[in-house]
Structures are given as C-alpha cells and as structure tokens.
C-alpha cells in the first residue's frame, strides 16, 4: 500500500505537550488539526486563554468531540 506525501497531521489529546507538538508541526510547514475532549478544550494554563484558543492561535483547527 502506498500513500502520497504527508501534508497535514491530526494530533489527538490535550495539554502542553500537544500544544508544543502542534506548534512544531506548523513551524516545519505542515497543517495541523487537534482532536480533543471538552475537558481539555476548556482547560486554562494562562489567564483568559483556554487550550482551544491556544490551538486556534497557533493556526490549527481544534475539533472538540464528546466521544
């Protein structure tokens, strides 16, 4: 089985490690989507900044799923 060139990443999870990975993926020229839970999406590690808003600020799409 052969696949084409990689152009984007789907990153699953939450927290600072996911933010760091997402930032790196974007810095090296790929697009990124982050799939996370509502609990992670609403986490705040800085005042007035949620995990979801931090992902969006990096230029990635944040997909919040309940399952």
Protein backbone atom coordinates (compact mmCIF):
# COMPACT_ATOMS: atom_id res chain seq x y z
CA UNK A 1 0.00 0.00 0.00
CA UNK A 2 1.34 3.41 -0.95
CA UNK A 3 0.23 6.80 0.25
CA UNK A 4 1.04 10.22 -1.14
CA UNK A 5 3.18 12.82 0.52
CA UNK A 6 2.16 13.91 4.00
CA UNK A 7 0.69 17.42 4.05
CA UNK A 8 -1.08 17.57 7.40
CA UNK A 9 -1.25 15.99 10.82
CA UNK A 10 -4.13 15.06 13.11
CA UNK A 11 -2.99 15.29 16.73
CA UNK A 12 -5.15 13.71 19.42
CA UNK A 13 -5.08 14.75 23.07
CA UNK A 14 -4.64 17.86 25.16
CA UNK A 15 -2.24 19.73 27.37
CA UNK A 16 1.06 21.47 26.89
CA UNK A 17 2.70 18.56 25.03
CA UNK A 18 0.00 18.65 22.35
CA UNK A 19 0.43 22.42 22.03
CA UNK A 20 4.19 22.01 21.66
CA UNK A 21 3.82 19.30 19.01
CA UNK A 22 1.21 21.34 17.13
CA UNK A 23 3.46 24.39 17.15
CA UNK A 24 6.39 22.35 15.83
CA UNK A 25 4.33 20.71 13.07
CA UNK A 26 3.17 24.13 11.86
CA UNK A 27 6.68 25.62 12.11
CA UNK A 28 8.08 22.95 9.79
CA UNK A 29 5.42 23.66 7.18
CA UNK A 30 2.52 21.28 7.75
CA UNK A 31 -1.09 21.98 8.64
CA UNK A 32 -2.48 20.53 11.83
CA UNK A 33 -5.83 19.60 13.33
CA UNK A 34 -6.14 18.84 17.02
CA UNK A 35 -8.87 16.48 18.25
CA UNK A 36 -9.59 16.88 21.94
CA UNK A 37 -12.23 16.38 24.62
CA UNK A 38 -14.43 19.14 26.07
CA UNK A 39 -12.47 18.83 29.33
CA UNK A 40 -9.16 19.54 27.61
CA UNK A 41 -10.64 22.23 25.34
CA UNK A 42 -11.74 24.28 28.33
CA UNK A 43 -8.51 23.84 30.35
CA UNK A 44 -6.69 27.06 31.06
CA UNK A 45 -2.98 27.26 31.73
CA UNK A 46 -2.90 31.05 31.35
CA UNK A 47 -5.44 33.68 32.36
CA UNK A 48 -8.15 34.20 29.71
CA UNK A 49 -6.67 31.51 27.44
CA UNK A 50 -8.12 28.04 27.01
CA UNK A 51 -6.46 25.08 25.33
CA UNK A 52 -8.87 25.50 22.41
CA UNK A 53 -8.00 29.18 21.96
CA UNK A 54 -4.27 28.38 22.21
CA UNK A 55 -4.61 25.80 19.41
CA UNK A 56 -6.50 28.31 17.27
CA UNK A 57 -3.87 30.99 17.93
CA UNK A 58 -1.25 28.62 16.52
CA UNK A 59 -3.24 28.46 13.29
CA UNK A 60 -4.55 24.94 13.76
CA UNK A 61 -8.12 23.72 13.82
CA UNK A 62 -9.35 22.44 17.16
CA UNK A 63 -12.04 19.77 16.95
CA UNK A 64 -13.84 19.07 20.23
CA UNK A 65 -15.55 15.67 20.45
CA UNK A 66 -17.66 14.13 23.18
CA UNK A 67 -16.76 10.51 22.39
